């Protein structure tokens, strides 16, 4: 029985062994093929080398820098006021033309003063009578017909009557509201017949020949600011146009909350283009011109361990006979910034070819191709694009 069982198992065992051998050959062939392909790809890549990275580049060169401190400020009139009524009254006549230029002392509004004028006539008559009494008693005093006390009382009464008349005349004058200085009127909504209370706004008046701009700077710049320094003002209302002025005053204290100090500058306003209340950008010229190696900000790679740039070096030649260019990373010390540019204090020299864009794909020794068909922004004073 045992021999018969072994004979029956023998063919099955042989078939299993054959199947395992076949599977081993198949899987061995697959893995061998993959290993062969990987080795060939590696060999091909080694022969082909790292593909070059396309970058933009420029030669480092010196540019003149005018040290400037920038801030934002608000324009206000050197002389500006909301014209109001000091006393109440009904508007009798209106001489305001909204937006018109007026001269100092020009009549704007006249309030009804008929009652006041009548009272003035009564007070004037009383003053004249007091004058007559005083003159008569003075003559009588000369002949000792009246006492000194009577003459003194007459003089005091005359002064009181004259003062009352002058006071009433002042009330009448206040009902003729005039421009306190020359300037441009704003928009008024006052109408004839309207009653004005004391303090009611009639119209705004702004002198526009010279404006002031108020702006703040951090306290560390206090030593660089003094009256008389030139400032350049720009505003989005007139893109591309500069308005020149000078610092007129520096505030006598620093804001304890922000550690900034307030500066006032006078700005010439030809043509009255600028208006009080406008927002503006202010640049203060702070020092003599300086010369720095200048690069676009895009050329700098900012890192926690130090700022770097990539230089282009020529090492050998390509198969086509052209110089083989490679990238070399170097640390730099940055200076001040302006617009799209940054000053380089240390790390490169004049004439170095510096990569300005495309460096995110680079590492030391990587081959590069320079293509300056499209270059990054490199404007010292960029302006917003027209929309």
Protein backbone atom coordinates (compact mmCIF):
# COMPACT_ATOMS: atom_id res chain seq x y z
CA UNK A 1 0.00 0.00 0.00
CA UNK A 2 2.86 2.36 0.86
CA UNK A 3 4.60 1.82 -2.43
CA UNK A 4 1.40 2.50 -4.34
CA UNK A 5 0.84 5.82 -2.42
CA UNK A 6 4.38 6.98 -3.16
CA UNK A 7 3.91 6.17 -6.83
CA UNK A 8 0.70 8.26 -6.88
CA UNK A 9 2.39 11.27 -5.18
CA UNK A 10 5.45 11.27 -7.38
CA UNK A 11 3.81 12.80 -10.55
CA UNK A 12 2.12 15.53 -8.46
CA UNK A 13 5.40 16.49 -6.82
CA UNK A 14 7.14 16.69 -10.18
CA UNK A 15 4.43 18.96 -11.56
CA UNK A 16 4.75 21.30 -8.57
CA UNK A 17 8.53 21.48 -8.97
CA UNK A 18 8.19 22.24 -12.67
CA UNK A 19 5.66 25.00 -11.92
CA UNK A 20 7.92 26.57 -9.29
CA UNK A 21 10.88 26.50 -11.66
CA UNK A 22 8.83 28.16 -14.39
CA UNK A 23 7.62 30.88 -11.97
CA UNK A 24 11.17 31.46 -10.79
CA UNK A 25 12.36 31.85 -14.37
CA UNK A 26 9.52 34.30 -15.18
CA UNK A 27 10.03 36.50 -12.10
CA UNK A 28 13.78 36.32 -12.49
CA UNK A 29 13.45 37.54 -16.03
CA UNK A 30 11.19 40.43 -14.97
CA UNK A 31 13.48 41.58 -12.18
CA UNK A 32 16.52 41.13 -14.36
CA UNK A 33 14.95 43.23 -17.11
CA UNK A 34 14.07 46.02 -14.67
CA UNK A 35 17.59 45.99 -13.24
CA UNK A 36 19.00 46.11 -16.76
CA UNK A 37 16.76 49.06 -17.70
CA UNK A 38 17.66 50.97 -14.52
CA UNK A 39 21.35 50.44 -15.20
CA UNK A 40 20.99 51.61 -18.78
CA UNK A 41 18.99 54.72 -17.76
CA UNK A 42 21.57 55.58 -15.14
CA UNK A 43 24.33 55.11 -17.67
CA UNK A 44 22.46 57.32 -20.17
CA UNK A 45 21.86 60.08 -17.61
CA UNK A 46 25.50 59.98 -16.58
CA UNK A 47 26.55 60.34 -20.18
CA UNK A 48 23.99 63.07 -20.94
CA UNK A 49 24.75 65.15 -17.80
CA UNK A 50 22.43 67.59 -15.93
CA UNK A 51 20.27 69.64 -18.32
CA UNK A 52 21.02 73.40 -18.18
CA UNK A 53 18.58 75.78 -16.45
CA UNK A 54 17.40 78.84 -18.36
CA UNK A 55 17.92 82.05 -16.32
CA UNK A 56 18.16 85.81 -16.74
CA UNK A 57 21.33 87.61 -15.71
CA UNK A 58 22.91 91.05 -15.64
CA UNK A 59 26.28 92.58 -14.82
CA UNK A 60 26.55 94.18 -11.39
CA UNK A 61 27.31 97.88 -11.68
CA UNK A 62 27.32 100.98 -9.50
CA UNK A 63 24.34 103.34 -9.44
CA UNK A 64 23.86 106.67 -7.69
CA UNK A 65 21.53 106.58 -4.71
CA UNK A 66 19.95 109.61 -3.09
CA UNK A 67 19.20 108.56 0.49
CA UNK A 68 15.49 109.02 1.01
CA UNK A 69 13.03 108.44 3.81
CA UNK A 70 9.53 107.58 2.64
CA UNK A 71 6.23 107.99 4.41
CA UNK A 72 2.59 108.70 3.73
CA UNK A 73 0.88 111.92 4.72
CA UNK A 74 -2.25 114.03 4.52
CA UNK A 75 -2.52 117.38 2.81
CA UNK A 76 -4.06 120.38 4.50
CA UNK A 77 -4.33 124.04 3.62
CA UNK A 78 -1.79 126.43 5.08
CA UNK A 79 -4.81 128.57 5.82
CA UNK A 80 -8.21 126.91 5.80
CA UNK A 81 -11.41 127.53 7.72
CA UNK A 82 -15.09 126.74 7.80
CA UNK A 83 -16.73 130.18 7.63
CA UNK A 84 -19.43 130.46 10.31
CA UNK A 85 -21.77 133.08 11.71
CA UNK A 86 -20.77 134.59 15.05
CA UNK A 87 -24.32 135.73 15.78
CA UNK A 88 -27.75 134.53 14.70
CA UNK A 89 -29.89 136.08 12.01
CA UNK A 90 -31.86 135.59 8.83
CA UNK A 91 -29.99 135.53 5.52
CA UNK A 92 -30.89 138.70 3.65
CA UNK A 93 -28.49 138.43 0.69
CA UNK A 94 -26.10 135.73 -0.48
CA UNK A 95 -22.92 136.46 -2.47
CA UNK A 96 -21.40 132.97 -2.45
CA UNK A 97 -20.59 131.16 -5.71
CA UNK A 98 -19.57 127.58 -4.91
CA UNK A 99 -16.00 126.86 -5.99
CA UNK A 100 -15.18 130.50 -6.74
CA UNK A 101 -11.98 132.32 -5.85
CA UNK A 102 -12.52 135.22 -3.43
CA UNK A 103 -10.36 138.02 -2.08
CA UNK A 104 -9.73 138.86 1.55
CA UNK A 105 -12.61 140.92 2.97
CA UNK A 106 -15.02 140.03 0.15
CA UNK A 107 -18.66 139.93 1.28
CA UNK A 108 -20.12 136.43 1.44
CA UNK A 109 -23.38 136.61 3.38
CA UNK A 110 -25.42 139.50 4.73
CA UNK A 111 -27.87 138.89 7.56
CA UNK A 112 -30.97 140.97 8.28
CA UNK A 113 -29.84 143.90 10.45
CA UNK A 114 -32.78 146.38 10.20
CA UNK A 115 -33.63 146.19 13.89
CA UNK A 116 -29.99 146.52 14.87
CA UNK A 117 -29.56 149.58 12.67
CA UNK A 118 -32.59 151.25 14.23
CA UNK A 119 -31.20 150.57 17.68
CA UNK A 120 -27.85 151.98 16.56
CA UNK A 121 -29.56 155.23 15.52
CA UNK A 122 -31.14 155.49 18.98
CA UNK A 123 -27.81 154.87 20.71
CA UNK A 124 -26.06 157.33 18.41
CA UNK A 125 -28.65 160.00 19.25
CA UNK A 126 -28.17 159.32 22.96
CA UNK A 127 -24.40 159.66 22.54
CA UNK A 128 -24.84 162.96 20.71
CA UNK A 129 -27.08 164.23 23.47
CA UNK A 130 -24.53 163.18 26.08
CA UNK A 131 -21.88 165.05 24.07
CA UNK A 132 -24.03 168.22 24.08
CA UNK A 133 -24.65 167.98 27.84
CA UNK A 134 -20.97 167.47 28.50
CA UNK A 135 -19.98 170.50 26.38
CA UNK A 136 -22.57 172.73 28.12
CA UNK A 137 -21.56 171.63 31.62
CA UNK A 138 -17.87 172.06 30.75
CA UNK A 139 -18.50 175.72 29.85
CA UNK A 140 -20.51 176.21 33.03
CA UNK A 141 -17.73 174.58 35.03
CA UNK A 142 -15.31 177.20 33.68
CA UNK A 143 -17.41 179.93 35.33
CA UNK A 144 -17.91 177.77 38.45
CA UNK A 145 -21.64 177.29 37.72
CA UNK A 146 -21.43 173.51 38.20
CA UNK A 147 -19.22 171.29 40.30
CA UNK A 148 -16.42 168.99 39.18
CA UNK A 149 -18.58 166.00 40.14
CA UNK A 150 -21.27 167.02 37.65
CA UNK A 151 -18.69 167.38 34.88
CA UNK A 152 -17.18 163.98 35.71
CA UNK A 153 -20.61 162.34 35.63
CA UNK A 154 -21.29 163.92 32.24
CA UNK A 155 -17.95 162.62 30.88
CA UNK A 156 -18.65 159.11 32.15
CA UNK A 157 -22.15 159.13 30.67
CA UNK A 158 -20.74 160.24 27.31
CA UNK A 159 -18.24 157.36 27.31
CA UNK A 160 -20.99 154.85 28.14
CA UNK A 161 -23.25 156.14 25.37
CA UNK A 162 -20.41 156.04 22.83
CA UNK A 163 -19.45 152.50 23.91
CA UNK A 164 -23.04 151.34 23.52
CA UNK A 165 -23.17 152.79 20.01
CA UNK A 166 -19.84 151.14 19.12
CA UNK A 167 -21.07 147.81 20.48
CA UNK A 168 -24.20 148.03 18.37
CA UNK A 169 -22.13 148.94 15.31
CA UNK A 170 -20.01 145.80 15.92
CA UNK A 171 -23.18 143.69 16.00
CA UNK A 172 -24.23 145.14 12.65
CA UNK A 173 -20.75 144.52 11.19
CA UNK A 174 -20.90 140.87 12.31
CA UNK A 175 -24.05 140.45 10.26
CA UNK A 176 -22.00 141.13 7.14
CA UNK A 177 -19.92 137.94 6.92
CA UNK A 178 -16.75 138.40 4.87
CA UNK A 179 -13.87 136.21 3.68
CA UNK A 180 -11.09 136.34 6.31
CA UNK A 181 -8.42 135.70 3.65
CA UNK A 182 -8.12 135.03 -0.07
CA UNK A 183 -8.83 131.50 -1.22
CA UNK A 184 -11.25 129.12 -2.91
CA UNK A 185 -14.78 128.60 -1.64
CA UNK A 186 -16.26 125.16 -1.22
CA UNK A 187 -19.85 124.12 -1.86
CA UNK A 188 -22.49 125.98 0.13
CA UNK A 189 -26.10 124.97 0.75
CA UNK A 190 -27.15 128.23 2.44
CA UNK A 191 -30.21 129.98 0.93
CA UNK A 192 -31.69 133.46 1.19
CA UNK A 193 -34.30 133.57 3.97
CA UNK A 194 -32.67 130.80 5.96
CA UNK A 195 -32.05 131.47 9.66
CA UNK A 196 -28.49 130.95 10.83
CA UNK A 197 -27.65 130.13 14.42
CA UNK A 198 -24.31 131.16 15.92
CA UNK A 199 -21.64 128.67 14.82
CA UNK A 200 -23.56 127.30 11.82
CA UNK A 201 -21.24 126.41 8.94
CA UNK A 202 -21.77 128.59 5.89
CA UNK A 203 -19.00 127.52 3.49
CA UNK A 204 -15.45 126.22 3.60
CA UNK A 205 -12.62 128.53 2.51
CA UNK A 206 -9.17 127.14 1.62
CA UNK A 207 -6.05 129.02 0.52
CA UNK A 208 -4.53 126.72 -2.12
CA UNK A 209 -1.38 128.53 -3.27
CA UNK A 210 0.69 126.64 -0.70
CA UNK A 211 -0.38 123.48 1.12
CA UNK A 212 1.04 121.63 4.09
CA UNK A 213 1.57 117.88 4.30
CA UNK A 214 1.73 116.19 7.70
CA UNK A 215 3.53 112.84 7.92
CA UNK A 216 5.27 110.64 10.49
CA UNK A 217 8.70 108.99 10.63
CA UNK A 218 10.18 106.56 13.19
CA UNK A 219 12.19 108.14 15.99
CA UNK A 220 15.49 106.60 14.76
CA UNK A 221 15.35 109.02 11.82
CA UNK A 222 15.08 112.12 14.01
CA UNK A 223 18.77 113.04 13.57
CA UNK A 224 18.36 112.96 9.77
CA UNK A 225 15.49 115.46 9.66
CA UNK A 226 15.69 119.23 9.96
CA UNK A 227 13.72 122.22 8.63
CA UNK A 228 14.64 123.21 5.11
CA UNK A 229 15.17 119.70 3.73
CA UNK A 230 13.60 119.03 0.36
CA UNK A 231 10.61 116.72 0.09
CA UNK A 232 9.01 115.23 -3.01
CA UNK A 233 5.30 114.52 -2.94
CA UNK A 234 3.38 112.21 -5.28
CA UNK A 235 -0.27 111.29 -5.38
CA UNK A 236 -2.34 108.82 -7.39
CA UNK A 237 -4.57 111.70 -8.49
CA UNK A 238 -1.72 112.92 -10.76
CA UNK A 239 0.42 109.86 -11.57
CA UNK A 240 3.91 110.63 -12.80
CA UNK A 241 3.89 114.20 -11.49
CA UNK A 242 6.11 115.34 -8.60
CA UNK A 243 5.37 118.24 -6.26
CA UNK A 244 8.39 119.78 -4.54
CA UNK A 245 8.43 121.35 -1.08
CA UNK A 246 10.50 121.82 2.07
CA UNK A 247 10.19 120.76 5.68
CA UNK A 248 8.88 123.70 7.70
CA UNK A 249 8.62 122.23 11.20
CA UNK A 250 9.34 119.13 13.30
CA UNK A 251 7.04 118.40 16.22
CA UNK A 252 8.45 119.06 19.67
CA UNK A 253 7.61 115.57 20.97
CA UNK A 254 7.55 111.93 19.87
CA UNK A 255 4.29 110.00 20.03
CA UNK A 256 4.68 107.73 23.07
CA UNK A 257 2.32 105.11 21.60
CA UNK A 258 4.00 104.67 18.21
CA UNK A 259 7.49 106.19 18.79
CA UNK A 260 6.98 108.24 15.63
CA UNK A 261 7.37 112.00 15.30
CA UNK A 262 5.27 114.40 13.26
CA UNK A 263 6.75 116.48 10.44
CA UNK A 264 5.19 119.39 8.55
CA UNK A 265 6.28 120.33 5.05
CA UNK A 266 5.17 123.15 2.80
CA UNK A 267 4.29 122.18 -0.78
CA UNK A 268 3.98 124.57 -3.70
CA UNK A 269 0.68 124.01 -5.47
CA UNK A 270 0.81 125.55 -8.95
CA UNK A 271 -2.52 125.52 -10.67
CA UNK A 272 -4.22 124.56 -7.40
CA UNK A 273 -4.17 120.90 -8.42
CA UNK A 274 -3.76 119.51 -4.93
CA UNK A 275 -6.59 119.82 -2.43
CA UNK A 276 -6.64 119.60 1.37
CA UNK A 277 -7.48 116.18 2.73
CA UNK A 278 -5.77 114.26 -0.09
CA UNK A 279 -3.59 111.24 0.66
CA UNK A 280 -0.01 111.51 -0.62
CA UNK A 281 3.35 109.73 -0.59
CA UNK A 282 6.25 111.80 0.71
CA UNK A 283 9.97 111.19 0.10
CA UNK A 284 12.50 113.18 2.14
CA UNK A 285 15.98 113.73 0.72
CA UNK A 286 18.21 112.79 3.68
CA UNK A 287 21.89 113.11 2.89
CA UNK A 288 24.40 113.35 0.04
CA UNK A 289 24.33 111.09 -3.04
CA UNK A 290 25.97 107.68 -2.57
CA UNK A 291 27.09 104.99 -5.01
CA UNK A 292 26.13 101.32 -4.52
CA UNK A 293 26.32 98.10 -6.50
CA UNK A 294 22.69 97.70 -7.44
CA UNK A 295 20.67 94.60 -8.32
CA UNK A 296 16.99 93.79 -8.75
CA UNK A 297 15.41 92.39 -5.59
CA UNK A 298 14.56 89.21 -7.52
CA UNK A 299 18.28 88.39 -7.72
CA UNK A 300 18.50 87.87 -3.95
CA UNK A 301 17.54 84.61 -2.24
CA UNK A 302 16.56 85.41 1.33
CA UNK A 303 17.43 82.72 3.88
CA UNK A 304 17.49 82.54 7.69
CA UNK A 305 21.21 81.72 7.58
CA UNK A 306 22.09 84.55 5.18
CA UNK A 307 21.13 86.22 1.92
CA UNK A 308 22.66 84.83 -1.29
CA UNK A 309 22.92 85.45 -5.01
CA UNK A 310 24.04 83.21 -7.87
CA UNK A 311 26.93 84.26 -10.08
CA UNK A 312 27.51 82.97 -13.61
CA UNK A 313 30.94 81.44 -14.24
CA UNK A 314 32.43 80.15 -17.49
CA UNK A 315 34.06 76.70 -17.12
CA UNK A 316 35.23 75.09 -20.32
CA UNK A 317 33.20 74.81 -23.49
CA UNK A 318 30.15 72.93 -24.67
CA UNK A 319 30.11 70.42 -27.52
CA UNK A 320 29.10 73.27 -29.80
CA UNK A 321 32.20 75.23 -28.81
CA UNK A 322 30.37 77.82 -26.73
CA UNK A 323 31.43 78.75 -23.15
CA UNK A 324 29.97 76.34 -20.60
CA UNK A 325 28.20 78.48 -17.99
CA UNK A 326 27.62 77.31 -14.43
CA UNK A 327 26.02 78.86 -11.35
CA UNK A 328 27.95 79.68 -8.19
CA UNK A 329 26.14 80.63 -4.99
CA UNK A 330 27.67 83.37 -2.84
CA UNK A 331 26.61 85.21 0.32
CA UNK A 332 25.97 88.96 0.17
CA UNK A 333 25.36 91.80 2.61
CA UNK A 334 22.37 93.93 1.64
CA UNK A 335 21.99 97.69 2.06
CA UNK A 336 18.98 99.92 1.63
CA UNK A 337 16.18 99.34 -0.86
CA UNK A 338 14.37 101.53 -3.36
CA UNK A 339 11.58 100.50 -5.68
CA UNK A 340 12.50 97.19 -7.36
CA UNK A 341 16.18 97.51 -6.44
CA UNK A 342 18.44 96.68 -3.51
CA UNK A 343 21.95 97.86 -2.74
CA UNK A 344 24.72 95.27 -2.24
CA UNK A 345 27.31 96.26 0.36
CA UNK A 346 29.49 93.14 0.31
CA UNK A 347 29.80 89.82 -1.52
CA UNK A 348 30.09 90.77 -5.20
CA UNK A 349 32.13 93.19 -7.28
CA UNK A 350 31.53 95.36 -10.29
CA UNK A 351 31.26 93.38 -13.52
CA UNK A 352 30.10 90.11 -11.92
CA UNK A 353 27.38 88.40 -13.93
CA UNK A 354 24.52 87.89 -11.48
CA UNK A 355 21.47 85.69 -12.08
CA UNK A 356 18.33 87.79 -11.61
CA UNK A 357 15.62 85.15 -12.03
CA UNK A 358 15.30 81.37 -12.33
CA UNK A 359 17.57 80.62 -9.37
CA UNK A 360 14.96 78.54 -7.54
CA UNK A 361 16.01 75.53 -9.66
CA UNK A 362 19.73 76.08 -9.17
CA UNK A 363 22.45 74.63 -7.00
CA UNK A 364 26.21 75.13 -6.96
CA UNK A 365 27.81 74.05 -10.23
CA UNK A 366 24.52 73.66 -12.12
CA UNK A 367 24.79 74.48 -15.85
CA UNK A 368 22.80 77.50 -17.00
CA UNK A 369 21.69 79.20 -20.19
CA UNK A 370 21.14 82.98 -20.16
CA UNK A 371 18.01 84.22 -21.90
CA UNK A 372 17.17 87.88 -21.26
CA UNK A 373 14.17 88.04 -23.56
CA UNK A 374 12.00 88.74 -20.48
CA UNK A 375 13.75 90.35 -17.52
CA UNK A 376 12.47 91.08 -14.00
CA UNK A 377 11.45 94.59 -12.91
CA UNK A 378 14.39 96.85 -12.10
CA UNK A 379 12.96 100.34 -11.59
CA UNK A 380 14.28 102.68 -8.90
CA UNK A 381 10.91 104.46 -8.65
CA UNK A 382 8.17 102.21 -10.00
CA UNK A 383 4.78 103.72 -10.66
CA UNK A 384 1.38 102.01 -10.74
CA UNK A 385 0.38 100.77 -14.17
CA UNK A 386 -2.44 102.63 -15.85
CA UNK A 387 -5.67 100.76 -15.53
